[in-house]
Amino acid sequence: MKTSVNTLFVCVIVAVRGFTGKLIITLTGSKVGRVTGLDPAGYNFAIADEADRLAKEDGAFVDVMHTNTVFTLSFGTPIGHADFYPNGGRSQPGCFWLSCSHMRATTLFKNSIKTCQYRSHRCPDGNVIPEAKMGYHAPSTLSGKYCLDTHAFSPYC
């Protein structure tokens, strides 16, 4: 059984969200419906056990956007049901400092609500999956690692 609650968290707060998801499961026996991790923190969390960080078991559907995996500042390995790597998950086009690439995840998610479709393909093989959309409209049936290219200027689609 899953709850109708959906959550969205960024960076280190994603780790808090992971703990919250685990607590909800413990208290209610139900999973949160959807958890979206926006560029989850990598440093120290990258080596953490799944019990100590966001993991796909924390929600009925966990999708993760990786936008700044340079220097292990964010989690580079897949940790959700569906993991998206815009521009390879490294520095983002038009960004010249690390925090810009990191915060781009929030902007991409916001733009996915009404402005952009962010169609993605499986990586590394490049097979196009028509329903594979990153962000708000990511279907809960997705599973695996997805890549896409974005533009350097807002709205980035």
N, C-alpha and C. Protein backbone atom coordinates (compact mmCIF):
# COMPACT_ATOMS: atom_id res chain seq x y z
N MET A 1 0.84 -1.18 0.00
CA MET A 1 0.00 0.00 0.00
C MET A 1 0.88 1.24 0.00
N LYS A 2 0.44 2.29 -0.70
CA LYS A 2 1.19 3.53 -0.71
C LYS A 2 0.28 4.68 -0.30
N THR A 3 0.89 5.72 0.25
CA THR A 3 0.11 6.89 0.62
C THR A 3 0.01 7.81 -0.59
N SER A 4 -0.89 8.78 -0.53
CA SER A 4 -1.03 9.72 -1.63
C SER A 4 -0.08 10.91 -1.48
N VAL A 5 0.78 10.86 -0.50
CA VAL A 5 1.74 11.95 -0.28
C VAL A 5 2.90 11.82 -1.26
N ASN A 6 3.27 12.92 -1.89
CA ASN A 6 4.44 12.97 -2.77
C ASN A 6 5.38 14.01 -2.21
N THR A 7 6.70 13.77 -2.34
CA THR A 7 7.67 14.72 -1.80
C THR A 7 8.72 15.05 -2.82
N LEU A 8 9.31 16.23 -2.66
CA LEU A 8 10.35 16.74 -3.54
C LEU A 8 11.40 17.40 -2.67
N PHE A 9 12.65 16.95 -2.78
CA PHE A 9 13.71 17.51 -1.96
C PHE A 9 15.00 17.67 -2.75
N VAL A 10 15.83 18.61 -2.30
CA VAL A 10 17.07 18.95 -2.97
C VAL A 10 18.26 18.67 -2.06
N CYS A 11 19.35 18.15 -2.63
CA CYS A 11 20.67 18.04 -2.00
C CYS A 11 20.66 17.29 -0.68
N VAL A 12 21.24 17.88 0.36
CA VAL A 12 21.34 17.22 1.66
C VAL A 12 19.95 16.95 2.21
N ILE A 13 19.00 17.79 1.87
CA ILE A 13 17.64 17.59 2.33
C ILE A 13 17.10 16.26 1.79
N VAL A 14 17.63 15.80 0.66
CA VAL A 14 17.23 14.50 0.12
C VAL A 14 17.54 13.41 1.14
N ALA A 15 18.66 13.54 1.83
CA ALA A 15 18.99 12.56 2.87
C ALA A 15 17.95 12.59 3.98
N VAL A 16 17.51 13.79 4.35
CA VAL A 16 16.46 13.93 5.35
C VAL A 16 15.18 13.28 4.84
N ARG A 17 14.89 13.49 3.57
CA ARG A 17 13.71 12.90 2.96
C ARG A 17 13.79 11.38 3.01
N GLY A 18 14.97 10.83 2.79
CA GLY A 18 15.14 9.39 2.88
C GLY A 18 14.79 8.88 4.26
N PHE A 19 15.25 9.61 5.29
CA PHE A 19 14.92 9.23 6.66
C PHE A 19 13.42 9.38 6.91
N THR A 20 12.82 10.44 6.35
CA THR A 20 11.38 10.67 6.53
C THR A 20 10.59 9.53 5.89
N GLY A 21 11.00 9.12 4.69
CA GLY A 21 10.32 8.00 4.02
C GLY A 21 10.40 6.74 4.83
N LYS A 22 11.56 6.48 5.39
CA LYS A 22 11.73 5.28 6.22
C LYS A 22 10.86 5.36 7.48
N LEU A 23 10.76 6.55 8.07
CA LEU A 23 9.94 6.74 9.25
C LEU A 23 8.46 6.54 8.92
N ILE A 24 8.00 7.07 7.79
CA ILE A 24 6.59 6.90 7.40
C ILE A 24 6.28 5.42 7.21
N ILE A 25 7.21 4.69 6.58
CA ILE A 25 7.01 3.25 6.39
C ILE A 25 6.90 2.56 7.75
N THR A 26 7.79 2.93 8.66
CA THR A 26 7.79 2.32 10.00
C THR A 26 6.50 2.62 10.75
N LEU A 27 6.03 3.87 10.69
CA LEU A 27 4.85 4.28 11.46
C LEU A 27 3.53 3.82 10.85
N THR A 28 3.46 3.80 9.51
CA THR A 28 2.18 3.52 8.87
C THR A 28 2.14 2.20 8.11
N GLY A 29 3.32 1.66 7.80
CA GLY A 29 3.36 0.48 6.96
C GLY A 29 3.15 0.78 5.49
N SER A 30 3.06 2.07 5.16
CA SER A 30 2.84 2.50 3.78
C SER A 30 4.00 3.34 3.28
N LYS A 31 4.23 3.27 1.98
CA LYS A 31 5.26 4.09 1.36
C LYS A 31 4.65 5.40 0.86
N VAL A 32 5.47 6.44 0.83
CA VAL A 32 5.09 7.69 0.18
C VAL A 32 4.90 7.36 -1.30
N GLY A 33 3.93 8.02 -1.94
CA GLY A 33 3.65 7.72 -3.34
C GLY A 33 4.81 7.99 -4.27
N ARG A 34 5.41 9.17 -4.15
CA ARG A 34 6.52 9.53 -5.03
C ARG A 34 7.52 10.38 -4.27
N VAL A 35 8.79 10.11 -4.52
CA VAL A 35 9.88 10.91 -3.98
C VAL A 35 10.72 11.35 -5.17
N THR A 36 10.95 12.65 -5.30
CA THR A 36 11.83 13.16 -6.34
C THR A 36 13.06 13.76 -5.69
N GLY A 37 14.21 13.21 -5.98
CA GLY A 37 15.47 13.73 -5.46
C GLY A 37 16.13 14.62 -6.49
N LEU A 38 16.40 15.85 -6.13
CA LEU A 38 17.04 16.79 -7.05
C LEU A 38 18.50 16.96 -6.68
N ASP A 39 19.37 16.34 -7.45
CA ASP A 39 20.82 16.36 -7.27
C ASP A 39 21.20 16.05 -5.82
N PRO A 40 20.89 14.84 -5.37
CA PRO A 40 21.19 14.47 -3.98
C PRO A 40 22.67 14.53 -3.66
N ALA A 41 22.97 14.93 -2.44
CA ALA A 41 24.35 15.10 -1.99
C ALA A 41 25.13 13.81 -2.13
N GLY A 42 26.37 13.94 -2.60
CA GLY A 42 27.21 12.77 -2.78
C GLY A 42 28.25 12.62 -1.70
N TYR A 43 28.85 13.72 -1.30
CA TYR A 43 29.95 13.67 -0.34
C TYR A 43 29.48 13.02 0.96
N ASN A 44 30.16 12.01 1.40
CA ASN A 44 29.83 11.19 2.58
C ASN A 44 28.56 10.37 2.39
N PHE A 45 27.57 10.87 1.68
CA PHE A 45 26.36 10.09 1.46
C PHE A 45 26.59 9.02 0.40
N ALA A 46 27.58 9.25 -0.47
CA ALA A 46 27.86 8.30 -1.56
C ALA A 46 28.32 6.95 -1.02
N ILE A 47 28.93 6.97 0.14
CA ILE A 47 29.40 5.71 0.72
C ILE A 47 28.44 5.18 1.78
N ALA A 48 27.39 5.93 2.03
CA ALA A 48 26.45 5.54 3.08
C ALA A 48 25.62 4.34 2.65
N ASP A 49 25.22 3.58 3.62
CA ASP A 49 24.33 2.45 3.42
C ASP A 49 22.95 3.00 3.02
N GLU A 50 22.18 2.22 2.29
CA GLU A 50 20.85 2.67 1.87
C GLU A 50 19.97 3.08 3.04
N ALA A 51 20.22 2.54 4.20
CA ALA A 51 19.45 2.91 5.37
C ALA A 51 19.74 4.34 5.81
N ASP A 52 20.86 4.91 5.35
CA ASP A 52 21.29 6.24 5.78
C ASP A 52 21.21 7.29 4.68
N ARG A 53 20.52 6.99 3.60
CA ARG A 53 20.40 7.95 2.50
C ARG A 53 19.14 7.62 1.70
N LEU A 54 18.85 8.48 0.73
CA LEU A 54 17.72 8.22 -0.17
C LEU A 54 17.98 6.94 -0.96
N ALA A 55 16.95 6.11 -1.06
CA ALA A 55 17.04 4.86 -1.82
C ALA A 55 15.66 4.59 -2.43
N LYS A 56 15.63 3.74 -3.44
CA LYS A 56 14.35 3.51 -4.12
C LYS A 56 13.31 2.85 -3.22
N GLU A 57 13.74 2.27 -2.13
CA GLU A 57 12.78 1.67 -1.19
C GLU A 57 12.04 2.73 -0.36
N ASP A 58 12.42 4.00 -0.47
CA ASP A 58 11.81 5.06 0.34
C ASP A 58 10.47 5.54 -0.20
N GLY A 59 10.08 5.10 -1.37
CA GLY A 59 8.81 5.51 -1.94
C GLY A 59 8.33 4.48 -2.95
N ALA A 60 7.05 4.56 -3.29
CA ALA A 60 6.51 3.67 -4.31
C ALA A 60 7.20 3.94 -5.65
N PHE A 61 7.54 5.21 -5.90
CA PHE A 61 8.31 5.60 -7.09
C PHE A 61 9.30 6.67 -6.66
N VAL A 62 10.58 6.41 -6.90
CA VAL A 62 11.64 7.37 -6.57
C VAL A 62 12.35 7.71 -7.86
N ASP A 63 12.26 9.00 -8.26
CA ASP A 63 13.00 9.46 -9.42
C ASP A 63 14.04 10.48 -8.96
N VAL A 64 15.19 10.45 -9.60
CA VAL A 64 16.31 11.27 -9.16
C VAL A 64 16.91 11.98 -10.36
N MET A 65 17.19 13.27 -10.19
CA MET A 65 17.83 14.08 -11.21
C MET A 65 19.26 14.38 -10.74
N HIS A 66 20.26 13.95 -11.52
CA HIS A 66 21.68 14.15 -11.19
C HIS A 66 22.24 15.24 -12.10
N THR A 67 22.56 16.41 -11.56
CA THR A 67 23.03 17.52 -12.40
C THR A 67 24.44 18.00 -12.09
N ASN A 68 25.08 17.47 -11.03
CA ASN A 68 26.39 17.99 -10.66
C ASN A 68 27.23 16.93 -9.97
N THR A 69 27.58 15.88 -10.71
CA THR A 69 28.33 14.78 -10.11
C THR A 69 29.84 15.02 -10.13
N VAL A 70 30.28 16.22 -10.53
CA VAL A 70 31.69 16.56 -10.55
C VAL A 70 32.24 16.54 -9.12
N PHE A 71 33.39 15.95 -8.91
CA PHE A 71 34.06 15.89 -7.61
C PHE A 71 33.19 15.24 -6.53
N THR A 72 32.32 14.35 -6.91
CA THR A 72 31.39 13.65 -6.00
C THR A 72 30.57 14.60 -5.13
N LEU A 73 30.27 15.79 -5.65
CA LEU A 73 29.44 16.72 -4.88
C LEU A 73 28.00 16.24 -4.79
N SER A 74 27.57 15.50 -5.79
CA SER A 74 26.25 14.89 -5.70
C SER A 74 26.39 13.42 -6.08
N PHE A 75 25.36 12.68 -5.79
CA PHE A 75 25.36 11.24 -6.01
C PHE A 75 25.44 10.94 -7.50
N GLY A 76 26.42 10.19 -7.93
CA GLY A 76 26.56 9.88 -9.34
C GLY A 76 25.96 8.56 -9.75
N THR A 77 25.86 7.63 -8.83
CA THR A 77 25.32 6.31 -9.17
C THR A 77 23.79 6.31 -9.05
N PRO A 78 23.13 5.48 -9.83
CA PRO A 78 21.67 5.41 -9.75
C PRO A 78 21.22 4.95 -8.36
N ILE A 79 20.24 5.65 -7.80
CA ILE A 79 19.72 5.29 -6.48
C ILE A 79 18.20 5.24 -6.45
N GLY A 80 17.56 5.58 -7.57
CA GLY A 80 16.10 5.57 -7.62
C GLY A 80 15.59 4.50 -8.56
N HIS A 81 14.29 4.50 -8.76
CA HIS A 81 13.71 3.62 -9.77
C HIS A 81 14.11 4.14 -11.14
N ALA A 82 14.03 5.47 -11.31
CA ALA A 82 14.43 6.13 -12.55
C ALA A 82 15.42 7.24 -12.20
N ASP A 83 16.59 7.19 -12.81
CA ASP A 83 17.64 8.19 -12.57
C ASP A 83 17.92 8.92 -13.87
N PHE A 84 17.88 10.25 -13.82
CA PHE A 84 18.07 11.09 -14.99
C PHE A 84 19.38 11.86 -14.89
N TYR A 85 20.11 11.91 -16.00
CA TYR A 85 21.41 12.57 -16.06
C TYR A 85 21.39 13.61 -17.18
N PRO A 86 20.84 14.82 -16.92
CA PRO A 86 20.88 15.85 -17.95
C PRO A 86 22.34 16.20 -18.26
N ASN A 87 22.66 16.23 -19.55
CA ASN A 87 24.01 16.59 -20.00
C ASN A 87 25.08 15.71 -19.35
N GLY A 88 24.76 14.45 -19.16
CA GLY A 88 25.69 13.51 -18.56
C GLY A 88 25.77 13.59 -17.05
N GLY A 89 24.98 14.47 -16.44
CA GLY A 89 24.97 14.60 -14.99
C GLY A 89 26.12 15.39 -14.42
N ARG A 90 26.95 15.94 -15.28
CA ARG A 90 28.11 16.69 -14.81
C ARG A 90 27.78 18.19 -14.83
N SER A 91 28.68 19.03 -15.21
CA SER A 91 28.37 20.46 -15.23
C SER A 91 27.34 20.75 -16.32
N GLN A 92 26.46 21.68 -16.03
CA GLN A 92 25.36 22.00 -16.92
C GLN A 92 25.73 23.16 -17.87
N PRO A 93 25.21 23.14 -19.09
CA PRO A 93 25.53 24.20 -20.06
C PRO A 93 25.14 25.57 -19.51
N GLY A 94 26.03 26.54 -19.69
CA GLY A 94 25.77 27.89 -19.21
C GLY A 94 26.17 28.11 -17.76
N CYS A 95 26.62 27.07 -17.08
CA CYS A 95 27.05 27.19 -15.68
C CYS A 95 28.57 27.26 -15.62
N PHE A 96 29.05 28.21 -14.83
CA PHE A 96 30.50 28.39 -14.71
C PHE A 96 30.99 28.22 -13.28
N TRP A 97 30.11 27.83 -12.38
CA TRP A 97 30.49 27.51 -11.01
C TRP A 97 29.63 26.32 -10.56
N LEU A 98 30.16 25.57 -9.59
CA LEU A 98 29.54 24.31 -9.20
C LEU A 98 28.12 24.47 -8.68
N SER A 99 27.86 25.51 -7.91
CA SER A 99 26.51 25.64 -7.34
C SER A 99 25.46 25.87 -8.43
N CYS A 100 25.85 26.46 -9.55
CA CYS A 100 24.91 26.67 -10.65
C CYS A 100 24.42 25.33 -11.19
N SER A 101 25.35 24.42 -11.45
CA SER A 101 24.95 23.09 -11.95
C SER A 101 24.10 22.36 -10.93
N HIS A 102 24.47 22.49 -9.68
CA HIS A 102 23.72 21.84 -8.61
C HIS A 102 22.28 22.37 -8.54
N MET A 103 22.13 23.67 -8.55
CA MET A 103 20.80 24.27 -8.42
C MET A 103 19.99 24.18 -9.71
N ARG A 104 20.63 23.85 -10.82
CA ARG A 104 19.90 23.70 -12.08
C ARG A 104 18.82 22.63 -11.96
N ALA A 105 19.03 21.64 -11.10
CA ALA A 105 18.04 20.58 -10.92
C ALA A 105 16.69 21.15 -10.50
N THR A 106 16.69 22.12 -9.61
CA THR A 106 15.42 22.70 -9.17
C THR A 106 14.74 23.45 -10.30
N THR A 107 15.52 24.15 -11.11
CA THR A 107 14.95 24.89 -12.23
C THR A 107 14.41 23.95 -13.29
N LEU A 108 15.16 22.89 -13.59
CA LEU A 108 14.68 21.92 -14.57
C LEU A 108 13.37 21.29 -14.10
N PHE A 109 13.29 20.95 -12.82
CA PHE A 109 12.04 20.37 -12.32
C PHE A 109 10.89 21.37 -12.42
N LYS A 110 11.14 22.59 -11.99
CA LYS A 110 10.10 23.63 -12.08
C LYS A 110 9.63 23.80 -13.52
N ASN A 111 10.57 23.87 -14.45
CA ASN A 111 10.20 24.05 -15.86
C ASN A 111 9.47 22.84 -16.43
N SER A 112 9.69 21.67 -15.85
CA SER A 112 9.03 20.46 -16.36
C SER A 112 7.53 20.45 -16.05
N ILE A 113 7.10 21.27 -15.13
CA ILE A 113 5.68 21.25 -14.74
C ILE A 113 4.80 21.74 -15.88
N LYS A 114 5.15 22.88 -16.51
CA LYS A 114 4.31 23.43 -17.57
C LYS A 114 5.04 23.74 -18.86
N THR A 115 6.34 24.01 -18.80
CA THR A 115 7.04 24.55 -19.96
C THR A 115 7.75 23.52 -20.81
N CYS A 116 8.45 22.58 -20.21
CA CYS A 116 9.33 21.66 -20.94
C CYS A 116 8.92 20.21 -20.77
N GLN A 117 9.15 19.41 -21.82
CA GLN A 117 8.84 17.98 -21.77
C GLN A 117 10.06 17.14 -21.39
N TYR A 118 11.27 17.61 -21.60
CA TYR A 118 12.51 16.91 -21.25
C TYR A 118 12.47 15.42 -21.58
N ARG A 119 12.26 15.13 -22.86
CA ARG A 119 12.26 13.73 -23.31
C ARG A 119 13.66 13.14 -23.14
N SER A 120 13.71 11.91 -22.67
CA SER A 120 14.97 11.27 -22.33
C SER A 120 15.12 9.95 -23.06
N HIS A 121 16.34 9.45 -23.07
CA HIS A 121 16.62 8.14 -23.67
C HIS A 121 17.44 7.32 -22.69
N ARG A 122 17.39 6.02 -22.85
CA ARG A 122 18.19 5.15 -21.99
C ARG A 122 19.66 5.43 -22.24
N CYS A 123 20.43 5.46 -21.18
CA CYS A 123 21.86 5.60 -21.37
C CYS A 123 22.54 4.37 -20.78
N PRO A 124 23.60 3.93 -21.38
CA PRO A 124 24.32 4.60 -22.46
C PRO A 124 23.88 4.20 -23.86
N ASP A 125 22.92 3.28 -24.02
CA ASP A 125 22.63 2.75 -25.36
C ASP A 125 21.88 3.71 -26.28
N GLY A 126 21.19 4.70 -25.74
CA GLY A 126 20.52 5.70 -26.57
C GLY A 126 19.16 5.31 -27.07
N ASN A 127 18.61 4.18 -26.64
CA ASN A 127 17.27 3.79 -27.08
C ASN A 127 16.26 4.80 -26.59
N VAL A 128 15.50 5.36 -27.53
CA VAL A 128 14.49 6.35 -27.19
C VAL A 128 13.29 5.65 -26.57
N ILE A 129 12.85 6.16 -25.44
CA ILE A 129 11.67 5.64 -24.76
C ILE A 129 10.65 6.79 -24.79
N PRO A 130 9.62 6.70 -25.64
CA PRO A 130 8.71 7.84 -25.83
C PRO A 130 8.12 8.42 -24.55
N GLU A 131 7.81 7.56 -23.59
CA GLU A 131 7.19 8.06 -22.36
C GLU A 131 8.21 8.53 -21.32
N ALA A 132 9.50 8.40 -21.61
CA ALA A 132 10.54 8.76 -20.64
C ALA A 132 10.72 10.27 -20.60
N LYS A 133 10.06 10.89 -19.64
CA LYS A 133 10.17 12.34 -19.46
C LYS A 133 10.75 12.59 -18.07
N MET A 134 11.72 13.48 -18.02
CA MET A 134 12.34 13.83 -16.75
C MET A 134 11.50 14.91 -16.07
N GLY A 135 11.38 14.81 -14.76
CA GLY A 135 10.72 15.86 -14.00
C GLY A 135 9.31 15.50 -13.57
N TYR A 136 8.48 16.51 -13.48
CA TYR A 136 7.14 16.38 -12.94
C TYR A 136 6.33 15.29 -13.63
N HIS A 137 6.47 15.16 -14.94
CA HIS A 137 5.65 14.21 -15.70
C HIS A 137 6.31 12.85 -15.90
N ALA A 138 7.35 12.55 -15.13
CA ALA A 138 7.98 11.23 -15.23
C ALA A 138 6.98 10.17 -14.78
N PRO A 139 6.66 9.22 -15.65
CA PRO A 139 5.69 8.19 -15.25
C PRO A 139 6.30 7.21 -14.25
N SER A 140 5.49 6.76 -13.33
CA SER A 140 5.96 5.87 -12.28
C SER A 140 6.29 4.48 -12.80
N THR A 141 6.07 4.24 -14.08
CA THR A 141 6.41 2.95 -14.68
C THR A 141 7.86 2.90 -15.15
N LEU A 142 8.56 4.04 -15.14
CA LEU A 142 9.95 4.07 -15.60
C LEU A 142 10.87 3.34 -14.64
N SER A 143 11.90 2.75 -15.23
CA SER A 143 12.91 2.08 -14.44
C SER A 143 14.22 2.13 -15.21
N GLY A 144 15.30 2.54 -14.54
CA GLY A 144 16.59 2.54 -15.20
C GLY A 144 17.26 3.91 -15.22
N LYS A 145 18.25 4.01 -16.07
CA LYS A 145 19.09 5.21 -16.18
C LYS A 145 18.79 5.91 -17.51
N TYR A 146 18.51 7.23 -17.43
CA TYR A 146 18.12 8.00 -18.60
C TYR A 146 19.00 9.23 -18.77
N CYS A 147 19.25 9.58 -20.03
CA CYS A 147 20.07 10.73 -20.35
C CYS A 147 19.31 11.68 -21.28
N LEU A 148 19.71 12.92 -21.28
CA LEU A 148 19.12 13.91 -22.17
C LEU A 148 20.06 15.11 -22.23
N ASP A 149 19.89 15.90 -23.27
CA ASP A 149 20.64 17.14 -23.40
C ASP A 149 19.69 18.31 -23.19
N THR A 150 20.18 19.33 -22.52
CA THR A 150 19.40 20.56 -22.34
C THR A 150 20.20 21.72 -22.92
N HIS A 151 19.53 22.87 -23.04
CA HIS A 151 20.18 24.07 -23.57
C HIS A 151 20.81 24.89 -22.46
N ALA A 152 21.60 25.86 -22.83
CA ALA A 152 22.32 26.68 -21.86
C ALA A 152 21.48 27.83 -21.30
N PHE A 153 20.34 28.10 -21.92
CA PHE A 153 19.54 29.25 -21.48
C PHE A 153 18.13 28.82 -21.10
N SER A 154 17.57 29.50 -20.13
CA SER A 154 16.24 29.21 -19.63
C SER A 154 15.23 29.32 -20.77
N PRO A 155 14.30 28.39 -20.87
CA PRO A 155 13.90 27.35 -19.93
C PRO A 155 14.66 26.03 -20.12
N TYR A 156 15.73 26.03 -20.86
CA TYR A 156 16.65 24.89 -21.01
C TYR A 156 16.13 23.73 -21.84
N CYS A 157 14.92 23.87 -22.40
CA CYS A 157 14.39 22.78 -23.23
C CYS A 157 14.46 23.11 -24.71
